[in-house]
Amino acid sequence: MNMYQFLESAVSEVPNDLFLTREKITYAQFNDLVKKRAATLARMGVKKGDAVGILSHNIWEFPLSLFAIWYLGASVLMLDTNLTPYEYDNMTKVTGTKLVLAEKSFFYKSAGFKFHDITEKDKEADPKLKPAHVESEDIATLSFTSGSTGMPKVVPLTHYNLTECALSLEDMSEWLNRGDTLYGFLPMYHVFGFAVEILATIHYRANVLLQSTINPKDILDDFKTYRPQIIPAVPRLWEVFRNKIIDGLKQKRLWWLASFVLKFGPFLKKIGLGFLVRKIQEPVLAVFGGRARLLIGGGAAVKPEVETFYERLGLTFIQGYGLTETVGPICISKPGKCRLPFAFGGPITNNECEIRGKNAEGIGTLWMRGHQVFGGYMNNPEANSESFDERGFFNTGDLVSMDCNGELHFHGRQKQVIVLDSGKNVYPDELEALFILIPGVKNVAVFEHTVKDKTVAYGVFQVEEGMTFEKLEKAVAIANKKVASYKWVTHFAMTTKDLPLTSTQKIKHHVVRERLIAGEYPTKHN
């Protein structure tokens, strides 16, 4: 099966079911529109084997263009909306892309490719134009990796990779049903958003409510109006929603009771005081529209206290783990267990993992193999030889262990591990999780740095106005005491400017370090 056939299977089964929620477009109507868009692109010269870029926010013309491109047998270059013209020129040149479908706000003069307005209405379909013959191993999408470290590489994902990911998502059938509304404000150019908003939606014959902004007010208004059952988000947004819920409970003078429920909820139910739990759960559920059944965290690890917050207040919360190279979610956590911090389950159907090079604490590198794992970076034999072994396992570069529940447990990126002069390893994620709790700290990046010829764990703190070096130094010293002394951060810089982030809100540690070296971040001595 290729991706257009994947859509056709849903159209033949549920033609009159809703697919695009806000636009009130059914599966059959969407397919008709795809054929019109395909005819438009064919008249522009798009043919099988071409690469066509999409540069757009989450508007309904994005999925429309995806399937029209696949209808013609071409592949899609997924372009991040946060990049620069210089980067777009480079990406289209590397992939041989000559046409980019984009919102007009992204247009600029380029000598390498042409822009076409993605929102322009299409003429009638061409009855003579039939779907191209596309094999499952043909390339469906091209993505430039956007991890926190290293130089971007081009990841080709085949139709087989994508449709197998959709089939693997059957592991979530306990929580997803036909006709459910999935909220879609994660960018579709990123694999996490694509997997949920396209693959999961169509596989479950559900509908997707697309939102092109991440403005919390617009999102909360959508929750009240459309009442989605499934809501995916990156960790930062789950923290924003949690803070708004807490503020609302405080205004209603219910926070004292909520705190009690968060701590003793399961026990209260056992002794017949479940009505107290429900009194808190009802206003929380109302924030999400009253029908939310499943919350999904992805793109980075969700803090354990955030996950527990939602589960204790009546919502099922699961975490997905994956990379661009694995079509996003290749591991999914199991709710209801005594969860340990940053646990994200195990491989889903038709995928497997190995943990290699374990240290004394059982922490090693995660290697993955399976139907969702891509076949190799485009035109990059050196990177492929480093990333794959002779058995076809892919090195994710992530450090994990296995917990007592049989779930994988995240410890950070291998490339971000700080190796001290003593030979001891320091994991930045662990320290960042401590420091982000300091009042007045909005974000923090910890990375390996050299100070007076000594390798140290260095921190750059994004703080609120009014924070001083003296206050921050005292708070960091207190936080340091929660970990072994060799992990302490005693050298740091401070800024009120936003730290650079990827599209999934992960810090670009290498960029932060470059800016520190360039003198952009004030230190205590500068």
Protein backbone atom coordinates (compact mmCIF):
# COMPACT_ATOMS: atom_id res chain seq x y z
CA MET A 1 0.00 0.00 0.00
CA ASN A 2 1.18 3.52 -0.76
CA MET A 3 -0.06 6.68 0.96
CA TYR A 4 -2.72 7.55 -1.62
CA GLN A 5 -4.07 4.00 -1.43
CA PHE A 6 -4.04 4.42 2.35
CA LEU A 7 -6.39 7.38 1.95
CA GLU A 8 -8.53 5.53 -0.62
CA SER A 9 -9.06 2.65 1.81
CA ALA A 10 -10.60 5.08 4.31
CA VAL A 11 -12.68 6.80 1.63
CA SER A 12 -14.16 3.50 0.46
CA GLU A 13 -14.98 2.49 4.04
CA VAL A 14 -16.28 5.75 5.56
CA PRO A 15 -16.94 8.16 2.64
CA ASN A 16 -19.40 10.32 4.55
CA ASP A 17 -17.51 10.47 7.84
CA LEU A 18 -15.91 13.78 8.77
CA PHE A 19 -12.18 14.11 8.05
CA LEU A 20 -11.43 17.85 8.48
CA THR A 21 -13.36 19.06 11.50
CA ARG A 22 -13.22 22.85 11.25
CA GLU A 23 -13.83 22.84 7.48
CA LYS A 24 -16.60 20.17 7.73
CA ILE A 25 -15.04 18.17 4.89
CA THR A 26 -15.77 14.44 4.66
CA TYR A 27 -13.36 11.75 3.49
CA ALA A 28 -15.08 11.54 0.08
CA GLN A 29 -15.11 15.31 -0.36
CA PHE A 30 -11.45 15.50 0.62
CA ASN A 31 -10.54 12.87 -1.97
CA ASP A 32 -12.35 14.85 -4.68
CA LEU A 33 -10.38 17.94 -3.69
CA VAL A 34 -7.13 15.94 -3.81
CA LYS A 35 -7.85 14.99 -7.42
CA LYS A 36 -8.41 18.67 -8.29
CA ARG A 37 -5.16 19.70 -6.63
CA ALA A 38 -3.33 16.85 -8.41
CA ALA A 39 -4.64 18.13 -11.77
CA THR A 40 -3.36 21.63 -10.94
CA LEU A 41 0.09 20.28 -10.09
CA ALA A 42 0.18 18.07 -13.18
CA ARG A 43 -0.52 21.13 -15.35
CA MET A 44 2.47 22.78 -13.64
CA GLY A 45 4.65 19.87 -14.74
CA VAL A 46 4.85 17.82 -11.53
CA LYS A 47 5.42 14.16 -12.33
CA LYS A 48 6.45 10.90 -10.73
CA GLY A 49 9.87 11.06 -9.10
CA ASP A 50 9.85 14.83 -8.54
CA ALA A 51 10.26 16.45 -5.13
CA VAL A 52 7.75 19.18 -4.23
CA GLY A 53 8.16 21.30 -1.11
CA ILE A 54 5.44 22.32 1.33
CA LEU A 55 6.00 25.41 3.48
CA SER A 56 2.89 26.06 5.52
CA HIS A 57 1.31 26.22 8.92
CA ASN A 58 -1.42 23.74 9.86
CA ILE A 59 -4.06 24.83 7.36
CA TRP A 60 -6.29 22.31 5.58
CA GLU A 61 -4.48 22.84 2.28
CA PHE A 62 -1.41 21.18 3.81
CA PRO A 63 -2.84 17.62 3.88
CA LEU A 64 -4.65 18.36 0.61
CA SER A 65 -1.30 19.08 -1.06
CA LEU A 66 0.38 16.08 0.56
CA PHE A 67 -2.00 13.60 -0.99
CA ALA A 68 -2.12 15.40 -4.34
CA ILE A 69 1.67 15.15 -4.59
CA TRP A 70 1.52 11.45 -3.70
CA TYR A 71 -1.31 10.97 -6.22
CA LEU A 72 1.18 12.02 -8.91
CA GLY A 73 3.95 9.78 -7.56
CA ALA A 74 6.14 12.66 -6.37
CA SER A 75 7.72 13.03 -2.93
CA VAL A 76 7.20 15.83 -0.40
CA LEU A 77 9.98 17.99 1.01
CA MET A 78 8.75 18.97 4.49
CA LEU A 79 9.91 22.52 5.23
CA ASP A 80 10.07 23.92 8.75
CA THR A 81 8.27 27.29 8.93
CA ASN A 82 10.88 28.67 11.37
CA LEU A 83 13.85 28.69 9.01
CA THR A 84 15.43 31.35 6.79
CA PRO A 85 15.44 31.83 2.99
CA TYR A 86 19.11 30.81 3.00
CA GLU A 87 18.18 27.49 4.58
CA TYR A 88 15.23 26.93 2.24
CA ASP A 89 17.47 27.57 -0.76
CA ASN A 90 19.97 25.03 0.54
CA MET A 91 17.33 22.39 1.31
CA THR A 92 15.65 22.66 -2.08
CA LYS A 93 19.03 22.55 -3.83
CA VAL A 94 20.15 19.42 -1.97
CA THR A 95 16.89 17.61 -2.75
CA GLY A 96 16.43 18.88 -6.29
CA THR A 97 13.14 20.60 -5.44
CA LYS A 98 11.93 23.05 -8.09
CA LEU A 99 8.45 23.86 -6.77
CA VAL A 100 7.32 24.84 -3.26
CA LEU A 101 3.67 25.13 -2.24
CA ALA A 102 3.55 27.79 0.43
CA GLU A 103 1.45 30.42 2.14
CA LYS A 104 2.07 33.81 0.56
CA SER A 105 3.66 35.15 3.73
CA PHE A 106 6.64 32.87 3.05
CA PHE A 107 7.22 33.97 -0.54
CA TYR A 108 10.59 35.48 -1.50
CA LYS A 109 12.68 35.68 -4.66
CA SER A 110 14.66 32.50 -5.22
CA ALA A 111 16.73 31.53 -8.22
CA GLY A 112 16.50 27.83 -7.39
CA PHE A 113 12.74 27.12 -7.29
CA LYS A 114 9.27 28.58 -7.83
CA PHE A 115 6.61 29.30 -5.23
CA HIS A 116 2.92 28.46 -5.68
CA ASP A 117 0.20 29.73 -3.36
CA ILE A 118 -0.95 26.69 -1.40
CA THR A 119 -4.29 28.39 -0.64
CA GLU A 120 -5.17 29.07 -4.29
CA LYS A 121 -8.40 27.36 -5.30
CA ASP A 122 -8.06 24.54 -7.84
CA LYS A 123 -9.99 24.09 -11.07
CA GLU A 124 -11.86 20.94 -11.95
CA ALA A 125 -10.19 17.54 -11.83
CA ASP A 126 -8.87 15.91 -15.00
CA PRO A 127 -10.86 12.66 -15.56
CA LYS A 128 -7.97 11.32 -17.66
CA LEU A 129 -5.48 11.76 -14.81
CA LYS A 130 -5.09 8.55 -12.83
CA PRO A 131 -3.02 7.83 -9.68
CA ALA A 132 0.61 7.12 -10.53
CA HIS A 133 1.94 3.62 -10.02
CA VAL A 134 3.82 3.98 -6.73
CA GLU A 135 5.66 1.15 -5.01
CA SER A 136 5.67 0.92 -1.24
CA GLU A 137 9.46 1.40 -1.21
CA ASP A 138 9.30 4.67 -3.18
CA ILE A 139 10.16 7.83 -1.24
CA ALA A 140 7.13 9.64 0.22
CA THR A 141 8.73 12.42 2.29
CA LEU A 142 12.08 14.14 2.68
CA SER A 143 12.93 15.79 5.99
CA PHE A 144 15.98 17.56 7.31
CA THR A 145 16.62 16.41 10.86
CA SER A 146 16.11 19.12 13.47
CA GLY A 147 17.70 17.57 16.55
CA SER A 148 19.33 19.59 19.28
CA THR A 149 22.87 18.79 18.12
CA GLY A 150 24.85 18.18 14.97
CA MET A 151 24.39 19.17 11.34
CA PRO A 152 21.12 18.39 9.53
CA LYS A 153 20.86 15.23 7.46
CA VAL A 154 18.19 14.38 4.87
CA VAL A 155 15.84 11.62 5.97
CA PRO A 156 13.89 9.89 3.16
CA LEU A 157 10.84 8.02 4.44
CA THR A 158 9.14 5.55 2.13
CA HIS A 159 5.44 4.90 1.67
CA TYR A 160 6.11 1.61 3.44
CA ASN A 161 7.60 3.40 6.46
CA LEU A 162 4.57 5.69 6.74
CA THR A 163 1.83 3.10 6.26
CA GLU A 164 3.56 0.68 8.62
CA CYS A 165 3.65 3.41 11.27
CA ALA A 166 -0.09 3.82 10.81
CA LEU A 167 -0.61 0.08 11.29
CA SER A 168 1.63 0.07 14.36
CA LEU A 169 -0.54 2.78 15.90
CA GLU A 170 -3.17 0.07 16.28
CA ASP A 171 -1.41 -0.46 19.62
CA MET A 172 -3.34 2.63 20.77
CA SER A 173 -6.75 1.13 19.95
CA GLU A 174 -7.66 1.10 23.64
CA TRP A 175 -7.99 4.89 23.51
CA LEU A 176 -8.85 5.81 19.89
CA ASN A 177 -12.12 5.15 18.06
CA ARG A 178 -13.75 5.83 14.73
CA GLY A 179 -15.22 9.34 14.69
CA ASP A 180 -12.95 10.73 17.40
CA THR A 181 -11.70 14.29 17.02
CA LEU A 182 -7.91 14.61 17.23
CA TYR A 183 -6.56 18.07 17.95
CA GLY A 184 -3.99 19.15 15.37
CA PHE A 185 -1.85 22.10 16.37
CA LEU A 186 1.51 20.30 16.23
CA PRO A 187 3.23 21.34 12.98
CA MET A 188 2.61 18.76 10.27
CA TYR A 189 6.07 19.29 8.79
CA HIS A 190 7.36 17.66 11.97
CA VAL A 191 7.04 13.90 12.21
CA PHE A 192 5.21 13.91 15.58
CA GLY A 193 2.42 16.12 14.23
CA PHE A 194 2.32 14.22 10.95
CA ALA A 195 2.01 10.82 12.66
CA VAL A 196 -0.92 11.90 14.84
CA GLU A 197 -2.76 14.28 12.53
CA ILE A 198 -2.46 12.26 9.31
CA LEU A 199 -1.53 8.64 10.03
CA ALA A 200 -3.48 8.05 13.25
CA THR A 201 -6.49 10.07 12.07
CA ILE A 202 -6.91 8.13 8.84
CA HIS A 203 -6.05 4.74 10.35
CA TYR A 204 -8.79 5.12 12.97
CA ARG A 205 -11.24 6.77 10.53
CA ALA A 206 -11.26 9.75 12.86
CA ASN A 207 -11.29 13.49 12.13
CA VAL A 208 -8.66 16.14 12.75
CA LEU A 209 -9.16 19.69 14.01
CA LEU A 210 -6.28 21.69 12.53
CA GLN A 211 -5.01 24.80 14.31
CA SER A 212 -2.31 26.95 12.74
CA THR A 213 -1.24 28.77 15.91
CA ILE A 214 0.00 27.76 19.36
CA ASN A 215 -1.73 30.65 21.09
CA PRO A 216 -3.10 29.12 24.33
CA LYS A 217 -6.26 31.28 24.17
CA ASP A 218 -7.15 30.07 20.66
CA ILE A 219 -6.43 26.49 21.67
CA LEU A 220 -8.57 26.65 24.81
CA ASP A 221 -11.40 28.24 22.78
CA ASP A 222 -11.17 25.30 20.36
CA PHE A 223 -11.37 22.84 23.26
CA LYS A 224 -14.64 24.41 24.41
CA THR A 225 -16.16 24.61 20.92
CA TYR A 226 -15.10 21.29 19.38
CA ARG A 227 -14.47 19.17 22.49
CA PRO A 228 -11.72 16.88 21.09
CA GLN A 229 -11.18 13.40 22.54
CA ILE A 230 -7.47 13.12 21.68
CA ILE A 231 -4.98 15.92 22.37
CA PRO A 232 -1.25 15.66 21.55
CA ALA A 233 1.22 18.35 22.61
CA VAL A 234 4.88 18.97 23.35
CA PRO A 235 5.99 19.13 27.03
CA ARG A 236 6.14 22.90 27.20
CA LEU A 237 2.46 23.25 26.27
CA TRP A 238 1.40 20.63 28.79
CA GLU A 239 3.12 22.76 31.41
CA VAL A 240 1.35 25.90 30.14
CA PHE A 241 -2.04 24.16 30.35
CA ARG A 242 -1.22 22.84 33.81
CA ASN A 243 -0.38 26.35 35.04
CA LYS A 244 -3.65 27.73 33.63
CA ILE A 245 -5.61 24.94 35.33
CA ILE A 246 -3.88 25.67 38.65
CA ASP A 247 -4.62 29.41 38.28
CA GLY A 248 -8.27 28.61 37.60
CA LEU A 249 -8.53 26.35 40.64
CA LYS A 250 -6.93 29.02 42.80
CA GLN A 251 -9.45 31.60 41.59
CA LYS A 252 -12.25 29.22 42.57
CA ARG A 253 -10.50 28.59 45.90
CA LEU A 254 -10.23 24.90 45.09
CA TRP A 255 -6.46 24.59 44.87
CA TRP A 256 -6.18 23.36 48.45
CA LEU A 257 -8.53 20.50 47.61
CA ALA A 258 -6.79 19.84 44.28
CA SER A 259 -3.43 19.58 46.07
CA PHE A 260 -4.98 17.07 48.45
CA VAL A 261 -6.43 15.05 45.55
CA LEU A 262 -3.11 15.10 43.69
CA LYS A 263 -1.42 13.61 46.72
CA PHE A 264 -4.07 11.21 48.01
CA GLY A 265 -6.51 10.71 45.08
CA PRO A 266 -6.16 6.91 44.75
CA PHE A 267 -6.49 6.47 48.52
CA LEU A 268 -9.58 8.72 48.66
CA LYS A 269 -11.31 6.53 46.08
CA LYS A 270 -10.51 3.39 48.07
CA ILE A 271 -12.11 4.74 51.25
CA GLY A 272 -15.28 5.96 49.54
CA LEU A 273 -14.40 9.64 49.13
CA GLY A 274 -14.33 9.57 45.36
CA PHE A 275 -16.78 12.48 45.25
CA LEU A 276 -13.97 14.79 46.42
CA VAL A 277 -11.82 13.61 43.52
CA ARG A 278 -14.69 14.18 41.06
CA LYS A 279 -15.24 17.69 42.41
CA ILE A 280 -11.74 18.58 41.20
CA GLN A 281 -11.76 16.46 38.05
CA GLU A 282 -14.89 18.07 36.58
CA PRO A 283 -13.47 21.62 36.20
CA VAL A 284 -10.21 20.17 34.86
CA LEU A 285 -12.01 18.10 32.23
CA ALA A 286 -14.07 21.18 31.34
CA VAL A 287 -10.86 23.02 30.35
CA PHE A 288 -10.36 20.44 27.59
CA GLY A 289 -13.99 20.52 26.51
CA GLY A 290 -15.32 17.74 28.72
CA ARG A 291 -14.74 14.84 26.31
CA ALA A 292 -10.94 14.47 26.39
CA ARG A 293 -10.02 10.80 26.74
CA LEU A 294 -6.31 10.78 25.95
CA LEU A 295 -3.46 13.25 26.27
CA ILE A 296 -0.25 12.50 24.37
CA GLY A 297 3.19 13.89 25.08
CA GLY A 298 5.95 13.76 22.50
CA GLY A 299 8.84 15.63 20.90
CA ALA A 300 10.73 15.51 24.21
CA ALA A 301 10.33 13.87 27.61
CA VAL A 302 7.44 15.12 29.75
CA LYS A 303 8.29 15.73 33.39
CA PRO A 304 6.94 13.00 35.69
CA GLU A 305 5.12 15.53 37.88
CA VAL A 306 3.30 16.93 34.83
CA GLU A 307 2.19 13.46 33.72
CA THR A 308 1.04 12.60 37.26
CA PHE A 309 -0.86 15.90 37.51
CA TYR A 310 -3.13 15.05 34.59
CA GLU A 311 -3.59 11.39 35.48
CA ARG A 312 -4.54 12.16 39.11
CA LEU A 313 -7.08 14.66 37.81
CA GLY A 314 -8.86 12.10 35.64
CA LEU A 315 -7.10 12.09 32.26
CA THR A 316 -5.14 9.29 30.60
CA PHE A 317 -1.64 10.49 29.70
CA ILE A 318 0.82 8.57 27.52
CA GLN A 319 4.21 9.46 26.09
CA GLY A 320 5.50 8.61 22.66
CA TYR A 321 9.15 8.33 21.72
CA GLY A 322 10.54 8.53 18.24
CA LEU A 323 12.72 10.35 15.75
CA THR A 324 12.31 11.64 12.23
CA GLU A 325 14.21 8.49 11.22
CA THR A 326 11.48 6.28 12.78
CA VAL A 327 8.38 8.17 11.52
CA GLY A 328 7.91 9.53 15.02
CA PRO A 329 6.28 7.25 17.63
CA ILE A 330 8.13 3.94 17.65
CA CYS A 331 7.68 3.48 21.42
CA ILE A 332 4.53 4.26 23.43
CA SER A 333 4.16 4.22 27.21
CA LYS A 334 1.51 2.28 29.07
CA PRO A 335 -0.61 4.31 31.53
CA GLY A 336 -1.82 3.01 34.85
CA LYS A 337 1.51 1.64 36.03
CA CYS A 338 3.73 2.92 38.81
CA ARG A 339 5.67 5.07 36.40
CA LEU A 340 9.30 6.01 36.85
CA PRO A 341 10.61 9.37 35.55
CA PHE A 342 10.85 9.76 31.76
CA ALA A 343 9.58 6.23 30.99
CA PHE A 344 8.22 5.92 27.45
CA GLY A 345 7.19 2.30 27.05
CA GLY A 346 8.62 -0.13 24.55
CA PRO A 347 8.61 -0.68 20.78
CA ILE A 348 5.22 -0.87 19.08
CA THR A 349 4.21 -3.61 16.62
CA ASN A 350 6.83 -4.77 14.07
CA ASN A 351 9.68 -2.85 15.72
CA GLU A 352 12.37 -3.93 18.18
CA CYS A 353 15.16 -2.45 20.25
CA GLU A 354 18.47 -3.26 21.91
CA ILE A 355 20.32 -1.37 24.66
CA ARG A 356 24.04 -1.50 24.01
CA GLY A 357 27.13 -0.48 25.96
CA LYS A 358 25.41 -0.39 29.35
CA ASN A 359 27.28 1.19 32.24
CA ALA A 360 27.10 0.16 35.90
CA GLU A 361 23.74 1.92 36.23
CA GLY A 362 22.25 -0.03 33.32
CA ILE A 363 22.28 3.00 31.01
CA GLY A 364 23.21 2.34 27.40
CA THR A 365 22.58 3.46 23.83
CA LEU A 366 19.22 2.67 22.23
CA TRP A 367 19.35 0.88 18.86
CA MET A 368 16.13 0.33 16.88
CA ARG A 369 15.14 -1.93 13.98
CA GLY A 370 11.77 -2.42 12.31
CA HIS A 371 9.24 -1.44 9.68
CA GLN A 372 9.24 2.22 10.70
CA VAL A 373 13.01 2.68 10.66
CA PHE A 374 14.22 4.51 7.55
CA GLY A 375 16.73 2.95 5.16
CA GLY A 376 19.48 5.55 5.47
CA TYR A 377 20.32 9.23 5.02
CA MET A 378 20.18 10.55 1.47
CA ASN A 379 23.57 10.61 -0.28
CA ASN A 380 25.43 10.32 3.01
CA PRO A 381 27.33 7.00 3.18
CA GLU A 382 29.55 8.23 6.00
CA ALA A 383 26.59 9.01 8.27
CA ASN A 384 24.92 5.72 7.33
CA SER A 385 27.99 3.67 8.19
CA GLU A 386 28.06 5.33 11.61
CA SER A 387 24.31 4.96 12.19
CA PHE A 388 23.58 1.38 11.09
CA ASP A 389 25.13 -1.97 11.98
CA GLU A 390 25.36 -5.09 9.80
CA ARG A 391 22.05 -6.38 11.23
CA GLY A 392 20.09 -3.31 10.20
CA PHE A 393 19.82 -1.74 13.67
CA PHE A 394 19.82 2.07 13.78
CA ASN A 395 21.71 3.98 16.47
CA THR A 396 19.26 6.54 17.89
CA GLY A 397 21.97 8.30 19.85
CA ASP A 398 19.72 8.31 22.92
CA LEU A 399 20.71 6.93 26.30
CA VAL A 400 18.13 4.68 27.98
CA SER A 401 17.70 2.00 30.62
CA MET A 402 14.95 -0.55 31.27
CA ASP A 403 12.88 0.03 34.42
CA CYS A 404 11.10 -2.47 36.67
CA ASN A 405 7.94 -2.24 34.55
CA GLY A 406 9.78 -3.25 31.40
CA GLU A 407 9.58 0.29 30.02
CA LEU A 408 12.45 2.21 28.48
CA HIS A 409 13.69 5.08 30.58
CA PHE A 410 15.20 8.18 28.95
CA HIS A 411 18.54 9.58 30.18
CA GLY A 412 19.42 12.07 27.47
CA ARG A 413 21.17 12.34 24.13
CA GLN A 414 24.46 10.51 23.78
CA LYS A 415 26.01 13.44 21.97
CA GLN A 416 25.04 15.76 24.82
CA VAL A 417 26.58 13.62 27.54
CA ILE A 418 29.20 15.63 29.41
CA VAL A 419 32.32 13.57 29.98
CA LEU A 420 34.32 15.16 32.78
CA ASP A 421 38.07 15.01 33.08
CA SER A 422 37.57 12.37 35.79
CA GLY A 423 35.85 10.14 33.23
CA LYS A 424 32.47 10.49 34.93
CA ASN A 425 29.39 11.18 32.80
CA VAL A 426 26.93 14.00 33.48
CA TYR A 427 23.50 13.97 31.82
CA PRO A 428 22.24 17.50 31.00
CA ASP A 429 18.55 16.49 31.06
CA GLU A 430 18.83 15.53 34.71
CA LEU A 431 20.28 18.91 35.70
CA GLU A 432 17.94 20.92 33.49
CA ALA A 433 14.98 19.23 35.16
CA LEU A 434 16.30 20.45 38.53
CA PHE A 435 17.10 24.00 37.50
CA ILE A 436 13.86 24.68 35.61
CA LEU A 437 12.06 24.46 38.98
CA ILE A 438 13.93 27.53 40.28
CA PRO A 439 11.51 30.49 40.58
CA GLY A 440 12.37 33.07 37.94
CA VAL A 441 14.05 30.57 35.59
CA LYS A 442 12.13 30.25 32.31
CA ASN A 443 14.48 27.86 30.50
CA VAL A 444 17.96 26.41 30.88
CA ALA A 445 20.58 24.68 28.76
CA VAL A 446 23.36 22.58 30.30
CA PHE A 447 26.22 21.40 28.12
CA GLU A 448 29.89 20.49 28.06
CA HIS A 449 32.25 23.47 28.11
CA THR A 450 35.88 24.23 28.88
CA VAL A 451 36.78 26.68 31.65
CA LYS A 452 40.50 27.25 32.41
CA ASP A 453 41.42 24.04 30.54
CA LYS A 454 38.96 22.04 32.63
CA THR A 455 35.87 20.26 31.25
CA VAL A 456 32.78 21.34 33.20
CA ALA A 457 29.00 21.17 33.06
CA TYR A 458 28.06 24.71 32.07
CA GLY A 459 24.60 26.30 32.34
CA VAL A 460 22.95 29.12 30.43
CA PHE A 461 19.79 30.31 32.20
CA GLN A 462 16.92 32.21 30.59
CA VAL A 463 15.45 34.24 33.44
CA GLU A 464 12.69 36.71 34.18
CA GLU A 465 13.37 40.42 34.54
CA GLY A 466 14.61 41.23 38.02
CA MET A 467 16.68 38.10 38.50
CA THR A 468 20.24 38.84 39.67
CA PHE A 469 23.39 36.74 39.52
CA GLU A 470 23.48 36.62 43.31
CA LYS A 471 19.92 35.23 43.57
CA LEU A 472 20.50 32.73 40.79
CA GLU A 473 23.83 31.61 42.23
CA LYS A 474 22.21 30.81 45.59
CA ALA A 475 19.32 28.94 43.95
CA VAL A 476 21.65 26.91 41.72
CA ALA A 477 23.78 25.98 44.74
CA ILE A 478 20.69 24.69 46.56
CA ALA A 479 19.59 22.69 43.49
CA ASN A 480 23.10 21.27 43.05
CA LYS A 481 22.90 19.62 46.44
CA LYS A 482 20.19 17.26 45.11
CA VAL A 483 22.74 15.45 42.92
CA ALA A 484 26.25 14.04 43.30
CA SER A 485 28.91 16.72 43.69
CA TYR A 486 30.66 15.85 40.42
CA LYS A 487 27.46 16.87 38.57
CA TRP A 488 27.29 20.34 40.09
CA VAL A 489 27.01 23.36 37.80
CA THR A 490 29.24 26.08 39.23
CA HIS A 491 29.81 28.03 36.01
CA PHE A 492 26.89 29.70 34.29
CA ALA A 493 25.61 32.62 32.26
CA MET A 494 22.28 34.42 32.44
CA THR A 495 20.01 36.10 29.88
CA THR A 496 16.47 37.44 29.59
CA LYS A 497 16.38 36.59 25.87
CA ASP A 498 14.69 33.40 24.64
CA LEU A 499 17.02 30.45 24.19
CA PRO A 500 17.00 29.05 20.61
CA LEU A 501 14.55 26.16 20.19
CA THR A 502 13.71 23.56 17.55
CA SER A 503 10.18 23.21 16.14
CA THR A 504 9.35 20.78 18.96
CA GLN A 505 10.52 23.26 21.62
CA LYS A 506 13.79 21.49 22.39
CA ILE A 507 16.79 23.66 23.16
CA LYS A 508 19.48 23.89 20.47
CA HIS A 509 22.38 23.27 22.83
CA HIS A 510 25.05 23.68 20.18
CA VAL A 511 23.66 27.11 19.20
CA VAL A 512 23.52 28.19 22.85
CA ARG A 513 27.16 27.19 23.27
CA GLU A 514 28.16 29.05 20.10
CA ARG A 515 26.43 32.20 21.39
CA LEU A 516 28.11 31.83 24.77
CA ILE A 517 31.53 31.65 23.12
CA ALA A 518 30.61 34.69 21.01
CA GLY A 519 29.94 36.63 24.23
CA GLU A 520 26.18 37.03 23.76
CA TYR A 521 25.30 35.80 27.26
CA PRO A 522 26.37 37.78 30.35
CA THR A 523 28.36 35.93 33.00
CA LYS A 524 29.05 36.95 36.58
CA HIS A 525 32.47 38.24 35.55
CA ASN A 526 31.27 39.95 32.36
